Protein backbone atom coordinates (compact mmCIF):
# COMPACT_ATOMS: atom_id res chain seq x y z
CA UNK A 1 81.61 134.20 27.99
CA UNK A 2 80.92 130.72 26.68
CA UNK A 3 84.55 130.44 25.67
CA UNK A 4 85.73 131.37 29.18
CA UNK A 5 83.43 128.77 30.77
CA UNK A 6 84.74 126.15 28.36
CA UNK A 7 88.34 127.08 29.23
CA UNK A 8 87.71 126.83 32.95
CA UNK A 9 85.97 123.50 32.51
CA UNK A 10 88.85 122.25 30.40
CA UNK A 11 91.38 123.43 32.96
CA UNK A 12 89.39 121.85 35.77
CA UNK A 13 89.15 118.58 33.88
CA UNK A 14 92.84 118.63 33.06
CA UNK A 15 93.68 119.47 36.68
CA UNK A 16 91.48 116.67 37.90
CA UNK A 17 93.14 114.30 35.46
CA UNK A 18 96.60 115.38 36.60
CA UNK A 19 95.63 115.02 40.27
CA UNK A 20 94.12 111.60 39.58
CA UNK A 21 97.29 110.56 37.75
CA UNK A 22 99.44 111.69 40.67
CA UNK A 23 97.23 109.89 43.19
CA UNK A 24 97.20 106.80 41.01
CA UNK A 25 100.98 106.90 40.75
CA UNK A 26 101.26 107.24 44.53
CA UNK A 27 98.81 104.39 45.00
CA UNK A 28 100.69 102.16 42.57
CA UNK A 29 103.99 103.03 44.25
CA UNK A 30 102.55 102.39 47.72
CA UNK A 31 101.11 99.08 46.57
CA UNK A 32 104.45 98.14 45.03
CA UNK A 33 106.32 99.06 48.20
CA UNK A 34 103.77 97.15 50.28
CA UNK A 35 104.20 94.12 48.04
CA UNK A 36 107.99 94.34 48.28
CA UNK A 37 107.74 94.70 52.03
CA UNK A 38 105.44 91.70 52.17
CA UNK A 39 107.82 89.59 50.10
CA UNK A 40 110.71 90.68 52.33
CA UNK A 41 108.69 89.76 55.43
CA UNK A 42 107.97 86.30 54.03
CA UNK A 43 111.69 85.78 53.32
CA UNK A 44 112.56 86.77 56.91
CA UNK A 45 109.84 84.49 58.30
CA UNK A 46 111.02 81.61 56.12
CA UNK A 47 114.52 82.10 57.53
CA UNK A 48 113.00 82.09 61.02
CA UNK A 49 111.19 78.82 60.25
CA UNK A 50 114.48 77.20 59.25
CA UNK A 51 116.15 78.51 62.40
CA UNK A 52 113.36 77.11 64.57
CA UNK A 53 113.85 73.72 62.93
CA UNK A 54 117.48 73.87 64.09
CA UNK A 55 116.16 74.62 67.58
CA UNK A 56 114.06 71.46 67.34
CA UNK A 57 117.23 69.42 66.72
CA UNK A 58 119.05 71.07 69.62
CA UNK A 59 116.13 70.51 71.98
CA UNK A 60 116.10 66.87 70.92
CA UNK A 61 119.76 66.69 71.90
CA UNK A 62 119.01 68.36 75.23
CA UNK A 63 116.20 65.94 76.02
CA UNK A 64 118.42 62.96 75.22
CA UNK A 65 121.41 64.35 77.13
CA UNK A 66 119.47 65.15 80.30
CA UNK A 67 117.71 61.79 80.20
CA UNK A 68 121.11 60.10 79.99
CA UNK A 69 122.34 62.17 82.90
CA UNK A 70 119.38 61.08 85.02
CA UNK A 71 119.97 57.45 84.03
CA UNK A 72 123.65 57.70 84.94
CA UNK A 73 122.71 59.24 88.27
CA UNK A 74 120.37 56.36 89.03
CA UNK A 75 123.06 53.90 87.96
CA UNK A 76 125.67 55.51 90.19
CA UNK A 77 123.31 55.44 93.16
CA UNK A 78 122.72 51.73 92.56
CA UNK A 79 126.48 51.12 92.31
CA UNK A 80 127.15 52.60 95.74
CA UNK A 81 127.22 49.10 97.15
CA UNK A 82 129.33 47.94 100.11
CA UNK A 83 130.64 45.08 97.96
CA UNK A 84 132.06 46.59 94.76
CA UNK A 85 133.61 44.49 92.01
CA UNK A 86 135.78 45.23 88.97
CA UNK A 87 132.79 45.69 86.69
CA UNK A 88 131.21 48.12 89.15
CA UNK A 89 134.40 50.19 89.16
CA UNK A 90 134.37 50.55 85.37
CA UNK A 91 130.66 51.38 85.37
CA UNK A 92 131.17 53.99 88.10
CA UNK A 93 133.92 55.62 86.06
CA UNK A 94 131.62 55.79 83.03
CA UNK A 95 128.73 57.13 85.08
CA UNK A 96 130.80 59.81 86.82
CA UNK A 97 132.27 60.90 83.49
CA UNK A 98 128.77 61.28 82.06
CA UNK A 99 127.60 63.29 85.05
CA UNK A 100 130.57 65.66 85.02
CA UNK A 101 130.11 66.29 81.29
CA UNK A 102 126.86 68.18 81.88
CA UNK A 103 124.91 69.41 78.85
CA UNK A 104 124.11 73.10 78.23
CA UNK A 105 122.11 74.07 75.16
CA UNK A 106 123.42 76.68 72.72
CA UNK A 107 120.62 78.10 70.56
CA UNK A 108 121.08 80.70 67.76
CA UNK A 109 118.55 83.54 67.45
CA UNK A 110 119.96 85.47 64.46
CA UNK A 111 116.97 84.96 62.16
CA UNK A 112 114.49 85.76 64.92
CA UNK A 113 116.33 88.98 65.76
CA UNK A 114 116.35 89.93 62.06
CA UNK A 115 112.62 89.22 61.75
CA UNK A 116 111.97 91.42 64.78
CA UNK A 117 114.26 94.30 63.81
CA UNK A 118 112.97 94.36 60.22
CA UNK A 119 109.37 94.67 61.44
CA UNK A 120 108.34 91.35 59.87
CA UNK A 121 107.08 90.05 63.21
CA UNK A 122 105.22 93.26 64.04
CA UNK A 123 103.44 93.25 60.65
CA UNK A 124 102.16 89.67 60.99
CA UNK A 125 98.37 89.40 60.70
CA UNK A 126 98.38 86.55 63.25
CA UNK A 127 99.06 88.70 66.31
CA UNK A 128 98.99 85.74 68.70
CA UNK A 129 101.62 83.87 66.69
CA UNK A 130 103.73 87.03 66.39
CA UNK A 131 103.70 87.46 70.16
CA UNK A 132 104.57 83.79 70.72
CA UNK A 133 107.50 84.00 68.29
CA UNK A 134 108.84 87.18 69.87
CA UNK A 135 108.71 85.62 73.34
CA UNK A 136 110.16 82.25 72.27
CA UNK A 137 113.67 83.04 73.64
CA UNK A 138 112.24 83.13 77.17
CA UNK A 139 111.51 79.40 76.91
CA UNK A 140 115.16 78.73 76.10
CA UNK A 141 116.22 81.05 78.92
CA UNK A 142 114.10 79.01 81.33
CA UNK A 143 115.82 75.83 80.14
CA UNK A 144 119.25 77.43 80.42
CA UNK A 145 118.48 78.50 83.98
CA UNK A 146 117.73 74.89 84.91
CA UNK A 147 120.88 73.69 83.10
CA UNK A 148 123.02 76.33 84.79
CA UNK A 149 121.73 75.17 88.17
CA UNK A 150 122.86 71.63 87.36
CA UNK A 151 126.17 72.85 85.94
CA UNK A 152 126.85 74.87 89.09
CA UNK A 153 126.33 71.82 91.28
CA UNK A 154 128.71 69.86 89.03
CA UNK A 155 131.44 72.50 89.20
CA UNK A 156 131.22 73.59 92.83
CA UNK A 157 129.74 70.67 94.78
CA UNK A 158 129.72 67.30 93.06
CA UNK A 159 133.09 67.70 91.32
CA UNK A 160 134.78 69.23 94.36
CA UNK A 161 133.53 66.48 96.67
CA UNK A 162 134.73 63.79 94.26
CA UNK A 163 138.08 65.52 93.90
CA UNK A 164 138.61 65.39 97.65
CA UNK A 165 137.72 61.70 97.90
CA UNK A 166 138.74 59.92 94.70
CA UNK A 167 141.58 60.04 92.18
CA UNK A 168 139.74 60.86 88.93
CA UNK A 169 142.46 59.88 86.48
CA UNK A 170 140.23 57.40 84.63
CA UNK A 171 137.41 59.94 84.41
CA UNK A 172 139.76 62.64 83.11
CA UNK A 173 141.15 60.26 80.51
CA UNK A 174 137.65 59.51 79.24
CA UNK A 175 137.06 63.25 79.02
CA UNK A 176 140.30 63.61 77.10
CA UNK A 177 139.27 60.91 74.64
CA UNK A 178 135.77 62.30 74.26
CA UNK A 179 136.04 66.10 74.38
CA UNK A 180 132.80 66.79 72.53
CA UNK A 181 129.70 65.08 73.86
CA UNK A 182 126.26 66.06 72.57
CA UNK A 183 122.85 64.64 73.23
CA UNK A 184 122.52 62.42 70.19
CA UNK A 185 126.11 61.61 69.32
CA UNK A 186 129.58 61.48 70.79
CA UNK A 187 132.39 62.88 68.64
CA UNK A 188 135.97 61.83 69.32
CA UNK A 189 138.59 64.29 68.14
CA UNK A 190 141.59 62.79 66.37
CA UNK A 191 144.63 64.05 68.25
CA UNK A 192 148.08 62.45 68.31
CA UNK A 193 148.42 62.31 72.11
CA UNK A 194 145.43 61.34 74.24
CA UNK A 195 147.10 59.96 77.32
CA UNK A 196 147.46 61.32 80.85
CA UNK A 197 150.50 60.57 83.01
CA UNK A 198 150.01 57.86 85.60
CA UNK A 199 148.30 59.10 88.75
CA UNK A 200 150.28 58.82 92.00
CA UNK A 201 147.39 56.96 93.67
CA UNK A 202 145.01 54.28 92.47
CA UNK A 203 141.34 55.04 91.99
CA UNK A 204 139.38 53.75 94.95
CA UNK A 205 135.63 54.31 94.87
CA UNK A 206 135.12 52.43 98.14
CA UNK A 207 135.52 55.72 100.04
CA UNK A 208 132.20 56.82 98.54
CA UNK A 209 130.29 53.90 100.04
CA UNK A 210 128.46 55.10 103.10
CA UNK A 211 129.29 58.74 102.29
CA UNK A 212 125.95 60.36 103.11
CA UNK A 213 127.06 63.83 101.94
CA UNK A 214 128.03 62.43 98.54
CA UNK A 215 124.76 60.51 98.25
CA UNK A 216 122.80 63.66 99.05
CA UNK A 217 124.74 65.69 96.49
CA UNK A 218 124.10 63.00 93.91
CA UNK A 219 120.37 62.92 94.71
CA UNK A 220 120.17 66.72 94.44
CA UNK A 221 122.07 66.65 91.17
CA UNK A 222 119.74 64.02 89.71
CA UNK A 223 116.80 66.16 90.76
CA UNK A 224 118.25 69.13 88.85
CA UNK A 225 118.90 66.95 85.81
CA UNK A 226 115.27 65.84 85.91
CA UNK A 227 114.20 69.49 86.02
CA UNK A 228 116.35 70.24 82.97
CA UNK A 229 114.90 67.21 81.19
CA UNK A 230 111.35 68.33 81.94
CA UNK A 231 112.04 71.92 80.88
CA UNK A 232 113.55 70.71 77.59
CA UNK A 233 110.45 68.59 76.91
CA UNK A 234 108.17 71.55 77.70
CA UNK A 235 110.14 73.84 75.37
CA UNK A 236 110.12 71.19 72.63
CA UNK A 237 106.34 70.82 72.83
CA UNK A 238 105.89 74.60 72.69
CA UNK A 239 108.22 74.80 69.71
CA UNK A 240 106.25 72.11 67.87
CA UNK A 241 103.17 74.33 68.06
CA UNK A 242 105.08 77.38 66.81
CA UNK A 243 106.54 75.42 63.90
CA UNK A 244 103.16 74.07 62.85
CA UNK A 245 101.48 77.49 62.87
CA UNK A 246 104.35 79.31 61.17
CA UNK A 247 104.69 76.61 58.52
CA UNK A 248 100.95 76.79 57.74
CA UNK A 249 100.83 80.58 57.41
CA UNK A 250 103.90 80.57 55.16
CA UNK A 251 102.43 77.89 52.92
CA UNK A 252 99.22 79.89 52.62
CA UNK A 253 101.14 83.20 52.44
CA UNK A 254 98.90 84.80 55.04
CA UNK A 255 101.26 85.41 57.96
């Protein structure tokens, strides 16, 4: 009888030990997987941080570009004088070229999409930051909406009106010589031929003087450029907060 009790106790102890070993193994494996997942999340979030820094550069370009557009609009309004001179004609050509070459931001979201699809955003301990990061694209969409409004006016109102009134050969040639214009720099492509044929008529901006419809279109366009400028500043300020919080949590490894 004593032997049977000893056997049962031994079996129970061995079973308990086996069960404990299994549970311990599961626990170790779960902890390992959790650690691996955590490291993977931090890698995705670090990639997102770098991507957001690129957004900061692009928003800086947008702010500069839209400010320049507003300045050119003001300049063109001032140049609509009844007594133009040669210098005014050159300045008008430059201003019109700058207005027609309207800026539209192009922001990548690959790292953010990866961080969302991998679950890295959803697993963040800072729920408020996670929500702000996930909704960040809406800020860019708001900016793009303002820019598209300005671009539409350029394409279908401002440009069309100018095309009916003025020969834009000089403006087109500037566009040909400066095909890529960004907010912080102007890149001139090296191409063998950068010359338009002579226009059949001379450029004469005097037809714009006293043109109330053109002045109103220009005023409306400047208003839209100001809206784009303000939206870009707002997005940039919001991004600065996101960058600061994400950078801090990554440094402290507590995202």
